[in-house]
Each structure stands twice: as C-alpha cells, then as structure tokens.
Amino acid sequence: MDFRKELDSFDTWPVGCDVCRIRENFDGTSSRLAQNQQIPKLQHHEWPRNWHIAFGNICNLGCWICSERYSSVIQQHKVKARIPLSIQYDPQKQFEQSWPTIKDQVLRSYEYHDEVTLTMLGGEPFVNDIVQEFLQELLELNLGARTVLHWHTNATVDPSRTMQHRSLSPWRYVCMFLSLDAVGPYAEWLRYGTKWKEVEKNVNVLKAVADYTEIHCTVSVLNINQLTELDQFARAHAVQLRLSTLTNPEFMNLACWDQSPDSLLITPTSEKFKIYYDLIGTAPVAGSSMLLKKHIRSFDKVRLPLASFDPDFARRIDW
C-alpha cells in the first residue's frame, strides 16, 4: 500500500522502479511500457493467457546472484559447506506436489484463449524432465500451434533434445532469453559450473530453434567490469543485449557499494554503460563489501576462489 501511495504522485521514480527507469533511459523500453501497452487489449478470465512457470529448482549451475530457491546446485553446495539454508523446505519437492494442479489450470487456459504463452523458468528448464514431459503432452493434445514458448535458459545446455529448428517447429512462436552476465573465464566463475566453450556453441543452436533470441544480463558489483566484453559478444552473434540491475542481495547491489567507485571499476569504462557506473555507491550500505567477501569466501570449500579467475579484481578489492 505504501508503494501504491508513492505511485499516486509520480513526481519522482520510486526506488522499486529503478530497473525500468534505467532501462527506459538506456534504450527507451522496459517491461513497464510493454505491459502497459497490453493492458487495454487484455480481458479478464479466471484462467490467464500468460503463465510463468518455475519448474522447481533443478539446475546445473550455482550462480552467485541466485539462491537455493532456484538452484539445486546452490542447495547442494550450501549443505556440503555447512552454510545455513535460507528456506526450510525443498523447492523441487514442493513444486512436484503442486504441479498436477498447476498443469490442470494451465490446460484450462486453452479453453478460453486461442493462444497461450508459457514462460519456462527454473532452475534450468532444459535439464528438467517435467518440462520435457509437459511439452510432449501439449503436442499430443495438438496444442503446439496455439502455444508461445518463452524460455529462460543459462545457455549451457544444448536444446536439441527438446526443440526443433524453427523451420520445423510445432510451436506458434519461440523466444529464447539467455541469462549471461559475462564472457570467458569470468563467466565460468560468476555462473559457477559454466563451460564457456559450450555456451559459445549453444548460442548458435539456441538461435536456430527460436524465432527471437535475446541475452539478459543482471548487472551487479560482480560483473560491472564485464559489460563491454559481453556487449561485444552479443554483437558478434547478432543478439540483442538487455540489461537489468540486481536489487537483492544488497551486498551485490551497485547502489549499496560502500567503497569508492574506483575500487570497483578496474577495467576501462564505456560511455555506453555510464548510467550503470553512475549507480555505484548512490545508496551505500555500511559493511556491504565485507558481507560480499564473507558470502563468497563461505563457499571456498566447494568452489574455486575468485583469484583463480580474476586475480586483478581479487587483489583490488583485497581478496
């Protein structure tokens, strides 16, 4: 309710709107504007036309910006390193218990709409057997031509097991959103478990099975130095790069950085990404840099240290 009151007098952007504010200043578009365009066209139904389905937490990576809610690897790493879990339930078991009901509701949507959009989330949906079984069921029900698929993938898995080339695709439309925050060895550390050569190979395969492909990058204190190289990679593969800023955890949030920007920016900056550099330390939280170090060091028994991937950055921030 407090947030709604802030929106009533939209003289300044509320803090919670930073992601859209930056996106609109950066490239003139945002989720906010896209959704606002759709609102007059949508009619209310008990069963929606768009579904976002997080198929549990089965994943093959342990990304620093993620948690055990969305990654079974992080869940395993925390148990092995004796780090307390942030949740008191098993995300995958919880999803599997609720999936029959969810699936029935998704299928009911086809009774109300000619076209249904399914956003496939995880974990990593391309390694989840439930995803494969569900898509096969949709095809057996002859619903492929009425289904738009939006895949959110870490691009480390060859999609050929699940998807055909777009020229043979049984689906109405397919979008691929590739979650990449850096390139090369640094990408392998940042999204732990990544093999960069496989990503480079899979990007072309993912493009081939999709009607539209986009790279999604979450900008944090951990990859603020990697944006130029990632932008070059996107351009080389003729894929649009979309950036958004990380909000939580605070100790990875650019605005919450409690040291000077110079202590974080160790590579040549680009005017193109100035709006992100200017965010550094705008709302500093005392101790955030130490919390970041403590968090990453707590995984030392199960993951290679930052110095193995980026010794210069590790030295600059005293790791």
Protein backbone atom coordinates (compact mmCIF):
# COMPACT_ATOMS: atom_id res chain seq x y z
CA MET A 1 0.00 0.00 0.00
CA ASP A 2 2.89 2.37 0.71
CA PHE A 3 4.24 1.67 -2.76
CA ARG A 4 0.82 2.41 -4.32
CA LYS A 5 0.76 5.74 -2.48
CA GLU A 6 4.14 6.57 -3.97
CA LEU A 7 2.73 5.87 -7.44
CA ASP A 8 -0.26 8.16 -6.83
CA SER A 9 2.06 11.16 -7.01
CA PHE A 10 4.55 10.11 -9.67
CA ASP A 11 6.78 13.19 -9.33
CA THR A 12 9.87 11.03 -8.87
CA TRP A 13 10.56 7.37 -9.58
CA PRO A 14 10.09 5.16 -6.50
CA VAL A 15 13.19 3.15 -5.60
CA GLY A 16 11.38 -0.06 -6.58
CA CYS A 17 11.11 1.22 -10.15
CA ASP A 18 14.87 1.59 -10.70
CA VAL A 19 15.09 -1.33 -13.12
CA CYS A 20 12.51 0.15 -15.51
CA ARG A 21 13.82 3.71 -15.05
CA ILE A 22 17.32 2.66 -16.08
CA ARG A 23 16.09 0.53 -18.97
CA GLU A 24 13.98 3.39 -20.37
CA ASN A 25 16.85 5.85 -20.07
CA PHE A 26 19.25 3.35 -21.60
CA ASP A 27 17.33 2.02 -24.61
CA GLY A 28 13.85 3.52 -24.47
CA THR A 29 11.97 0.37 -23.47
CA SER A 30 11.10 -1.59 -20.35
CA SER A 31 8.80 -4.27 -19.00
CA ARG A 32 6.61 -1.47 -17.61
CA LEU A 33 5.99 0.07 -21.03
CA ALA A 34 5.49 -3.31 -22.71
CA GLN A 35 2.91 -4.38 -20.12
CA ASN A 36 1.10 -1.04 -20.25
CA GLN A 37 0.64 -1.48 -24.00
CA GLN A 38 -1.03 -4.83 -23.43
CA ILE A 39 -3.41 -3.84 -20.62
CA PRO A 40 -6.18 -2.33 -22.84
CA LYS A 41 -6.10 -5.45 -25.05
CA LEU A 42 -6.46 -8.00 -22.26
CA GLN A 43 -9.77 -9.25 -20.97
CA HIS A 44 -10.23 -10.78 -17.55
CA HIS A 45 -10.61 -14.54 -17.33
CA GLU A 46 -10.40 -16.88 -14.40
CA TRP A 47 -7.66 -18.68 -16.33
CA PRO A 48 -4.95 -16.35 -17.69
CA ARG A 49 -3.50 -16.20 -21.16
CA ASN A 50 0.08 -15.91 -19.88
CA TRP A 51 1.74 -18.30 -17.46
CA HIS A 52 5.13 -18.00 -15.76
CA ILE A 53 6.01 -21.49 -14.51
CA ALA A 54 9.04 -22.06 -12.28
CA PHE A 55 9.55 -25.81 -12.62
CA GLY A 56 11.27 -26.22 -9.26
CA ASN A 57 14.96 -25.61 -8.63
CA ILE A 58 16.66 -28.32 -10.73
CA CYS A 59 19.69 -26.58 -12.22
CA ASN A 60 23.19 -27.34 -13.43
CA LEU A 61 24.77 -24.08 -12.21
CA GLY A 62 25.41 -22.28 -8.95
CA CYS A 63 25.29 -18.57 -9.80
CA TRP A 64 26.44 -16.05 -7.20
CA ILE A 65 23.38 -13.85 -7.70
CA CYS A 66 20.99 -16.81 -7.21
CA SER A 67 19.84 -18.90 -4.24
CA GLU A 68 18.75 -22.42 -3.40
CA ARG A 69 15.16 -21.44 -4.23
CA TYR A 70 16.12 -21.59 -7.89
CA SER A 71 19.23 -23.78 -7.97
CA SER A 72 19.69 -27.34 -6.74
CA VAL A 73 23.47 -26.84 -7.14
CA ILE A 74 23.45 -23.99 -4.63
CA GLN A 75 21.31 -26.12 -2.35
CA GLN A 76 23.89 -28.93 -2.54
CA HIS A 77 26.84 -26.55 -2.13
CA LYS A 78 25.36 -24.98 0.99
CA VAL A 79 24.76 -28.37 2.57
CA LYS A 80 28.29 -29.51 1.73
CA ALA A 81 29.86 -26.29 3.03
CA ARG A 82 27.59 -26.32 6.11
CA ILE A 83 26.06 -22.97 5.23
CA PRO A 84 22.54 -22.50 6.68
CA LEU A 85 19.79 -22.71 4.07
CA SER A 86 17.60 -19.64 3.68
CA ILE A 87 14.46 -21.76 3.27
CA GLN A 88 13.00 -24.56 5.35
CA TYR A 89 11.54 -26.61 2.50
CA ASP A 90 12.73 -28.43 -0.61
CA PRO A 91 11.75 -26.28 -3.64
CA GLN A 92 11.68 -29.22 -6.04
CA LYS A 93 9.54 -31.43 -3.83
CA GLN A 94 7.15 -28.55 -3.19
CA PHE A 95 6.78 -27.91 -6.91
CA GLU A 96 6.25 -31.56 -7.76
CA GLN A 97 3.45 -31.77 -5.19
CA SER A 98 1.67 -28.76 -6.67
CA TRP A 99 2.42 -29.46 -10.35
CA PRO A 100 -0.65 -31.66 -11.13
CA THR A 101 -2.95 -28.84 -10.01
CA ILE A 102 -0.92 -26.18 -11.82
CA LYS A 103 -0.86 -28.22 -15.02
CA ASP A 104 -4.64 -28.68 -14.95
CA GLN A 105 -5.08 -24.92 -14.59
CA VAL A 106 -2.69 -24.20 -17.46
CA LEU A 107 -4.60 -26.59 -19.71
CA ARG A 108 -7.89 -24.89 -18.79
CA SER A 109 -6.50 -21.64 -20.22
CA TYR A 110 -6.68 -23.16 -23.71
CA GLU A 111 -10.47 -23.35 -23.29
CA TYR A 112 -10.60 -19.55 -23.02
CA HIS A 113 -7.83 -18.37 -25.33
CA ASP A 114 -6.75 -19.14 -28.88
CA GLU A 115 -3.15 -18.55 -27.89
CA VAL A 116 -1.43 -19.24 -24.56
CA THR A 117 2.05 -18.01 -23.63
CA LEU A 118 4.14 -20.20 -21.36
CA THR A 119 7.26 -18.70 -19.78
CA MET A 120 9.56 -21.60 -18.89
CA LEU A 121 11.57 -20.93 -15.76
CA GLY A 122 13.59 -22.93 -13.26
CA GLY A 123 16.23 -23.78 -12.25
CA GLU A 124 17.29 -24.58 -15.75
CA PRO A 125 14.23 -25.78 -17.70
CA PHE A 126 16.27 -27.62 -20.34
CA VAL A 127 17.54 -30.14 -17.75
CA ASN A 128 14.16 -30.73 -16.11
CA ASP A 129 12.33 -33.93 -17.13
CA ILE A 130 8.97 -32.49 -16.04
CA VAL A 131 9.36 -29.78 -18.68
CA GLN A 132 10.03 -32.34 -21.41
CA GLU A 133 7.01 -34.44 -20.38
CA PHE A 134 4.72 -31.41 -20.26
CA LEU A 135 5.71 -30.18 -23.72
CA GLN A 136 5.20 -33.65 -25.15
CA GLU A 137 1.72 -33.73 -23.60
CA LEU A 138 0.86 -30.38 -25.20
CA LEU A 139 1.90 -31.72 -28.59
CA GLU A 140 -0.16 -34.89 -28.12
CA LEU A 141 -3.15 -32.65 -27.36
CA ASN A 142 -2.48 -30.73 -30.60
CA LEU A 143 -1.84 -27.50 -28.69
CA GLY A 144 1.59 -26.72 -30.10
CA ALA A 145 0.29 -24.32 -32.77
CA ARG A 146 -1.58 -22.40 -30.07
CA THR A 147 1.38 -22.14 -27.71
CA VAL A 148 4.02 -19.41 -27.46
CA LEU A 149 7.11 -20.52 -25.54
CA HIS A 150 9.38 -18.11 -23.69
CA TRP A 151 12.48 -19.94 -22.48
CA HIS A 152 14.76 -18.55 -19.79
CA THR A 153 17.98 -20.55 -20.04
CA ASN A 154 21.58 -20.24 -18.91
CA ALA A 155 22.72 -21.31 -22.42
CA THR A 156 24.90 -24.14 -21.12
CA VAL A 157 22.55 -26.89 -22.36
CA ASP A 158 22.06 -27.96 -25.98
CA PRO A 159 18.30 -27.52 -26.63
CA SER A 160 18.17 -30.15 -29.40
CA ARG A 161 16.70 -32.74 -27.03
CA THR A 162 13.64 -30.54 -26.59
CA MET A 163 13.37 -28.16 -29.54
CA GLN A 164 13.49 -28.48 -33.30
CA HIS A 165 14.86 -25.97 -35.81
CA ARG A 166 12.42 -23.10 -36.16
CA SER A 167 11.62 -24.17 -39.74
CA LEU A 168 10.21 -27.43 -38.32
CA SER A 169 8.89 -26.09 -35.04
CA PRO A 170 5.41 -27.26 -33.96
CA TRP A 171 5.06 -24.19 -31.70
CA ARG A 172 3.36 -20.94 -32.62
CA TYR A 173 6.34 -18.79 -31.61
CA VAL A 174 9.51 -19.36 -29.59
CA CYS A 175 11.59 -16.80 -27.69
CA MET A 176 14.96 -17.59 -26.12
CA PHE A 177 16.21 -15.41 -23.28
CA LEU A 178 19.81 -16.29 -22.46
CA SER A 179 20.99 -15.45 -18.95
CA LEU A 180 24.61 -14.36 -19.42
CA ASP A 181 26.42 -11.89 -17.17
CA ALA A 182 29.98 -12.09 -18.51
CA VAL A 183 32.13 -13.92 -21.05
CA GLY A 184 35.06 -16.34 -20.90
CA PRO A 185 36.66 -17.50 -17.65
CA TYR A 186 34.88 -14.82 -15.62
CA ALA A 187 31.52 -16.17 -16.80
CA GLU A 188 32.64 -19.58 -15.57
CA TRP A 189 33.21 -18.18 -12.09
CA LEU A 190 30.20 -15.89 -11.96
CA ARG A 191 27.73 -18.59 -13.05
CA TYR A 192 29.60 -21.43 -11.42
CA GLY A 193 29.64 -24.64 -13.45
CA THR A 194 29.56 -22.88 -16.82
CA LYS A 195 31.89 -24.10 -19.56
CA TRP A 196 32.29 -21.12 -21.84
CA LYS A 197 33.12 -23.11 -24.97
CA GLU A 198 29.77 -24.88 -24.62
CA VAL A 199 27.97 -21.55 -24.26
CA GLU A 200 29.58 -20.23 -27.44
CA LYS A 201 28.48 -23.34 -29.31
CA ASN A 202 24.97 -23.39 -27.81
CA VAL A 203 24.18 -19.75 -28.61
CA ASN A 204 24.01 -20.55 -32.32
CA VAL A 205 21.89 -23.65 -31.67
CA LEU A 206 19.52 -21.69 -29.42
CA LYS A 207 19.16 -19.03 -32.11
CA ALA A 208 18.36 -21.71 -34.68
CA VAL A 209 15.43 -23.14 -32.70
CA ALA A 210 13.94 -19.76 -31.77
CA ASP A 211 12.05 -17.07 -33.62
CA TYR A 212 13.61 -14.42 -31.38
CA THR A 213 16.69 -14.52 -29.14
CA GLU A 214 17.90 -12.06 -26.52
CA ILE A 215 20.70 -12.02 -23.94
CA HIS A 216 19.60 -10.94 -20.46
CA CYS A 217 22.32 -9.64 -18.17
CA THR A 218 21.83 -8.84 -14.49
CA VAL A 219 24.24 -6.05 -13.56
CA SER A 220 25.80 -6.24 -10.11
CA VAL A 221 29.06 -5.35 -8.37
CA LEU A 222 30.39 -8.72 -9.56
CA ASN A 223 30.12 -8.04 -13.29
CA ILE A 224 30.13 -4.25 -13.68
CA ASN A 225 33.59 -4.61 -15.29
CA GLN A 226 32.38 -7.18 -17.81
CA LEU A 227 29.69 -5.23 -19.68
CA THR A 228 31.82 -4.11 -22.64
CA GLU A 229 33.04 -7.63 -23.41
CA LEU A 230 29.53 -9.05 -23.07
CA ASP A 231 28.21 -6.35 -25.40
CA GLN A 232 30.88 -7.28 -27.96
CA PHE A 233 29.89 -10.95 -27.67
CA ALA A 234 26.21 -10.10 -28.24
CA ARG A 235 27.06 -8.00 -31.28
CA ALA A 236 29.28 -10.72 -32.73
CA HIS A 237 26.37 -13.17 -32.50
CA ALA A 238 23.77 -10.64 -33.69
CA VAL A 239 21.77 -10.97 -30.48
CA GLN A 240 20.13 -8.09 -28.61
CA LEU A 241 21.58 -7.43 -25.14
CA ARG A 242 19.16 -6.39 -22.38
CA LEU A 243 20.45 -5.19 -19.03
CA SER A 244 18.73 -5.00 -15.66
CA THR A 245 20.16 -4.17 -12.24
CA LEU A 246 20.30 -6.54 -9.29
CA THR A 247 18.30 -5.46 -6.25
CA ASN A 248 18.91 -8.31 -3.80
CA PRO A 249 21.06 -9.34 -2.08
CA GLU A 250 22.04 -5.81 -1.08
CA PHE A 251 25.74 -6.59 -0.87
CA MET A 252 25.77 -7.24 -4.63
CA ASN A 253 23.63 -4.18 -5.45
CA LEU A 254 25.59 -1.44 -7.24
CA ALA A 255 23.88 1.33 -5.29
CA CYS A 256 24.74 -0.29 -1.94
CA TRP A 257 28.51 -0.48 -2.59
CA ASP A 258 30.19 1.15 0.42
CA GLN A 259 33.60 1.89 -1.09
CA SER A 260 34.65 4.33 -3.78
CA PRO A 261 33.58 3.56 -7.37
CA ASP A 262 37.28 3.48 -8.31
CA SER A 263 37.76 0.47 -6.05
CA LEU A 264 35.21 -1.41 -8.13
CA LEU A 265 35.86 -0.16 -11.68
CA ILE A 266 39.17 -1.75 -12.64
CA THR A 267 38.74 -2.00 -16.43
CA PRO A 268 38.29 0.81 -18.97
CA THR A 269 34.74 2.13 -18.83
CA SER A 270 32.43 2.75 -21.76
CA GLU A 271 30.23 5.78 -22.20
CA LYS A 272 27.50 3.39 -23.33
CA PHE A 273 27.19 1.97 -19.81
CA LYS A 274 27.70 5.21 -17.87
CA ILE A 275 24.21 5.03 -16.38
CA TYR A 276 25.24 1.81 -14.59
CA TYR A 277 28.62 3.12 -13.44
CA ASP A 278 26.87 6.18 -12.01
CA LEU A 279 24.74 3.91 -9.80
CA ILE A 280 27.73 2.69 -7.80
CA GLY A 281 27.52 3.82 -4.19
CA THR A 282 24.46 6.05 -4.63
CA ALA A 283 22.79 4.44 -1.58
CA PRO A 284 25.73 2.88 0.29
CA VAL A 285 25.07 0.29 2.97
CA ALA A 286 27.84 0.16 5.56
CA GLY A 287 29.60 -3.18 5.55
CA SER A 288 28.16 -4.38 2.23
CA SER A 289 31.57 -5.05 0.67
CA MET A 290 32.64 -7.10 3.69
CA LEU A 291 29.37 -9.07 3.57
CA LEU A 292 30.04 -9.80 -0.11
CA LYS A 293 33.52 -11.12 0.69
CA LYS A 294 32.21 -13.18 3.59
CA HIS A 295 29.45 -14.69 1.44
CA ILE A 296 31.79 -15.72 -1.37
CA ARG A 297 34.50 -16.99 0.95
CA SER A 298 31.96 -19.20 2.72
CA PHE A 299 31.91 -21.34 -0.45
CA ASP A 300 35.70 -21.79 -0.61
CA LYS A 301 35.42 -25.49 0.29
CA VAL A 302 33.18 -26.23 -2.68
CA ARG A 303 34.13 -23.61 -5.31
CA LEU A 304 37.34 -22.19 -6.71
CA PRO A 305 38.22 -18.72 -5.36
CA LEU A 306 37.83 -15.51 -7.35
CA ALA A 307 41.62 -15.18 -7.64
CA SER A 308 41.66 -18.29 -9.85
CA PHE A 309 39.52 -16.50 -12.43
CA ASP A 310 40.24 -12.77 -11.98
CA PRO A 311 43.34 -12.16 -9.83
CA ASP A 312 43.43 -8.44 -10.62
CA PHE A 313 39.89 -7.84 -9.36
CA ALA A 314 40.51 -10.08 -6.34
CA ARG A 315 43.63 -8.06 -5.47
CA ARG A 316 41.94 -4.69 -5.99
CA ILE A 317 39.16 -5.48 -3.53
CA ASP A 318 41.55 -7.17 -1.12
CA TRP A 319 40.51 -10.80 -1.62
